Amino acid sequence: MKFSDLQFNTHPTGNGIAARQFFDNGYGLSVVRFRGSYGYEDGLYEAAVLKGTEDDYDLCYDTRIADDVIGRLTEPEVEFLLSQVENLAI
């Protein structure tokens, strides 16, 4: 999946953007850039691994990818994370 495939909407704070992408393996990635996120001041993104579906999910802090949110990401780094999350084992 490419960064350009993400569908960004206004972040709930009203001060930025947010997108979520879920995969068939039951995981997803939240990608945000809003005032207060790690990297916002530099135009970079913050991401978090999700577990669940678009309708019912939680942040997931126990994967080989991350144990917290990941900040200060460039678009290529977000793409790399998307591929890692898509390939997580259930």
Protein backbone atom coordinates (compact mmCIF):
# COMPACT_ATOMS: atom_id res chain seq x y z
CA MET A 1 0.00 0.00 0.00
CA LYS A 2 1.23 3.47 -0.85
CA PHE A 3 1.04 6.52 1.39
CA SER A 4 -1.07 8.19 -1.29
CA ASP A 5 -3.71 5.44 -0.85
CA LEU A 6 -4.47 6.59 2.71
CA GLN A 7 -7.69 8.56 3.00
CA PHE A 8 -7.09 11.42 5.39
CA ASN A 9 -9.89 13.24 7.16
CA THR A 10 -9.86 16.05 9.69
CA HIS A 11 -8.40 14.88 13.00
CA PRO A 12 -10.98 14.86 15.83
CA THR A 13 -9.15 17.78 17.46
CA GLY A 14 -9.80 19.85 14.35
CA ASN A 15 -6.10 20.71 14.25
CA GLY A 16 -4.78 18.25 11.69
CA ILE A 17 -5.41 15.09 9.71
CA ALA A 18 -5.97 11.41 10.47
CA ALA A 19 -6.28 8.17 8.51
CA ARG A 20 -6.80 4.55 9.52
CA GLN A 21 -6.08 1.52 7.37
CA PHE A 22 -7.13 -2.00 8.37
CA PHE A 23 -5.95 -5.28 6.89
CA ASP A 24 -7.38 -8.79 6.59
CA ASN A 25 -5.06 -10.03 9.37
CA GLY A 26 -7.01 -8.08 12.01
CA TYR A 27 -4.45 -5.29 12.39
CA GLY A 28 -4.40 -1.72 11.19
CA LEU A 29 -2.41 1.47 11.32
CA SER A 30 -3.53 4.90 12.48
CA VAL A 31 -1.60 7.74 10.87
CA VAL A 32 -2.02 11.28 12.18
CA ARG A 33 -0.52 14.73 11.97
CA PHE A 34 -2.07 17.24 14.36
CA ARG A 35 -0.91 19.97 16.68
CA GLY A 36 0.68 18.02 19.52
CA SER A 37 1.60 14.86 17.61
CA TYR A 38 5.23 13.75 17.45
CA GLY A 39 6.68 15.46 14.38
CA TYR A 40 3.83 17.89 13.69
CA GLU A 41 6.07 20.96 13.80
CA ASP A 42 8.23 19.44 11.04
CA GLY A 43 5.34 18.22 8.86
CA LEU A 44 5.96 14.60 9.89
CA TYR A 45 3.51 11.89 10.94
CA GLU A 46 2.75 9.83 14.02
CA ALA A 47 1.48 6.25 13.72
CA ALA A 48 0.02 3.61 16.01
CA VAL A 49 -0.69 -0.06 15.43
CA LEU A 50 -4.36 -1.01 15.82
CA LYS A 51 -5.99 -4.37 16.45
CA GLY A 52 -9.54 -5.03 15.34
CA THR A 53 -11.77 -3.73 12.59
CA GLU A 54 -12.84 -0.32 11.36
CA ASP A 55 -15.90 -0.58 13.64
CA ASP A 56 -14.22 -2.03 16.74
CA TYR A 57 -10.52 -1.57 17.44
CA ASP A 58 -7.98 -0.73 20.12
CA LEU A 59 -4.44 0.56 20.08
CA CYS A 60 -2.07 -2.40 20.13
CA TYR A 61 1.16 -2.06 22.09
CA ASP A 62 2.42 -5.64 21.94
CA THR A 63 3.63 -6.31 18.41
CA ARG A 64 7.13 -6.79 17.04
CA ILE A 65 6.61 -3.45 15.28
CA ALA A 66 6.08 -1.17 18.25
CA ASP A 67 5.22 -0.98 21.93
CA ASP A 68 4.06 2.64 21.72
CA VAL A 69 3.14 5.23 19.10
CA ILE A 70 5.85 5.95 16.54
CA GLY A 71 6.51 9.60 15.80
CA ARG A 72 8.44 11.79 13.40
CA LEU A 73 7.72 9.60 10.36
CA THR A 74 8.22 10.55 6.73
CA GLU A 75 5.81 9.33 4.04
CA PRO A 76 8.18 6.48 2.99
CA GLU A 77 8.50 5.41 6.63
CA VAL A 78 4.69 5.32 6.94
CA GLU A 79 4.56 3.13 3.80
CA PHE A 80 7.11 0.76 5.36
CA LEU A 81 5.00 0.53 8.54
CA LEU A 82 1.88 -0.16 6.48
CA SER A 83 3.61 -3.15 4.85
CA GLN A 84 4.86 -4.41 8.23
CA VAL A 85 1.38 -4.20 9.77
CA GLU A 86 -0.24 -5.86 6.77
CA ASN A 87 2.15 -8.80 7.18
CA LEU A 88 1.74 -9.30 10.94
CA ALA A 89 0.73 -12.83 11.86
CA ILE A 90 -2.61 -13.16 13.59
